[in-house]
Amino acid sequence: MKPVPNAICVGGPHDGMLTRIDQDVGVVEVFAFEADGSTRGAPYRVTAGRVHHPSCATPFVVLSWVEPAHGQF
């Protein structure tokens, strides 16, 4: 069974992507499938923000992209 999303990514490479997280604080690595079948991860910070999305009656947790420091990837 596919996990039900409870968070939305804001900014960064996965902007607007819905995902499932199981923690309330900290930084999570969000992975997305690329067209070639590989996966790409990006760090997102769990925020206190919540946003409603038409796909669900309960609000989604807002994940804010953690932009890498200059020169780091």
Protein backbone atom coordinates (compact mmCIF):
# COMPACT_ATOMS: atom_id res chain seq x y z
CA MET A 1 0.00 0.00 0.00
CA LYS A 2 1.31 3.44 -0.96
CA PRO A 3 1.93 5.80 2.02
CA VAL A 4 -0.52 8.70 2.32
CA PRO A 5 1.30 12.06 1.98
CA ASN A 6 1.23 14.41 4.96
CA ALA A 7 3.79 17.05 3.92
CA ILE A 8 4.52 19.38 1.01
CA CYS A 9 7.93 20.61 -0.15
CA VAL A 10 8.38 24.36 -0.62
CA GLY A 11 11.30 25.60 -2.69
CA GLY A 12 14.26 23.67 -3.98
CA PRO A 13 14.32 20.79 -6.43
CA HIS A 14 11.10 19.12 -5.17
CA ASP A 15 8.97 22.30 -4.90
CA GLY A 16 5.27 21.40 -4.62
CA MET A 17 5.89 17.67 -4.20
CA LEU A 18 3.73 15.84 -1.67
CA THR A 19 5.54 13.32 0.53
CA ARG A 20 5.20 11.35 3.77
CA ILE A 21 7.26 12.20 6.86
CA ASP A 22 7.29 10.58 10.29
CA GLN A 23 8.99 13.24 12.40
CA ASP A 24 7.92 16.56 13.93
CA VAL A 25 11.21 18.49 14.00
CA GLY A 26 14.56 18.54 12.23
CA VAL A 27 15.70 18.00 8.68
CA VAL A 28 14.47 15.19 6.45
CA GLU A 29 15.91 13.92 3.19
CA VAL A 30 13.18 13.93 0.53
CA PHE A 31 13.68 11.63 -2.45
CA ALA A 32 12.08 11.85 -5.88
CA PHE A 33 12.30 9.51 -8.86
CA GLU A 34 14.02 10.90 -11.96
CA ALA A 35 12.94 10.12 -15.53
CA ASP A 36 15.85 7.67 -15.91
CA GLY A 37 14.66 5.63 -12.91
CA SER A 38 17.25 6.97 -10.47
CA THR A 39 16.38 8.84 -7.27
CA ARG A 40 17.52 12.28 -6.18
CA GLY A 41 17.43 13.44 -2.58
CA ALA A 42 17.31 16.96 -1.15
CA PRO A 43 17.25 18.18 2.46
CA TYR A 44 14.10 19.88 3.77
CA ARG A 45 13.47 21.35 7.23
CA VAL A 46 10.25 20.38 9.03
CA THR A 47 8.46 23.65 9.91
CA ALA A 48 5.54 24.57 12.15
CA GLY A 49 3.71 25.81 9.04
CA ARG A 50 0.63 24.02 7.74
CA VAL A 51 -1.13 24.46 4.42
CA HIS A 52 -4.36 23.07 3.03
CA HIS A 53 -4.23 21.14 -0.22
CA PRO A 54 -7.28 20.14 -2.28
CA SER A 55 -6.26 16.46 -2.16
CA CYS A 56 -6.77 16.13 1.62
CA ALA A 57 -9.10 17.41 4.35
CA THR A 58 -6.26 17.76 6.89
CA PRO A 59 -3.47 20.33 6.41
CA PHE A 60 -0.03 19.31 5.19
CA VAL A 61 3.20 19.99 7.09
CA VAL A 62 5.32 22.55 5.22
CA LEU A 63 8.86 21.38 4.45
CA SER A 64 11.24 24.23 3.67
CA TRP A 65 14.20 23.51 1.39
CA VAL A 66 17.60 23.66 3.09
CA GLU A 67 19.69 25.42 0.48
CA PRO A 68 23.28 24.11 0.45
CA ALA A 69 26.00 26.46 1.62
CA HIS A 70 27.93 28.19 -1.17
CA GLY A 71 30.05 25.65 -3.01
CA GLN A 72 28.45 22.58 -1.41
CA PHE A 73 26.01 20.13 -2.96
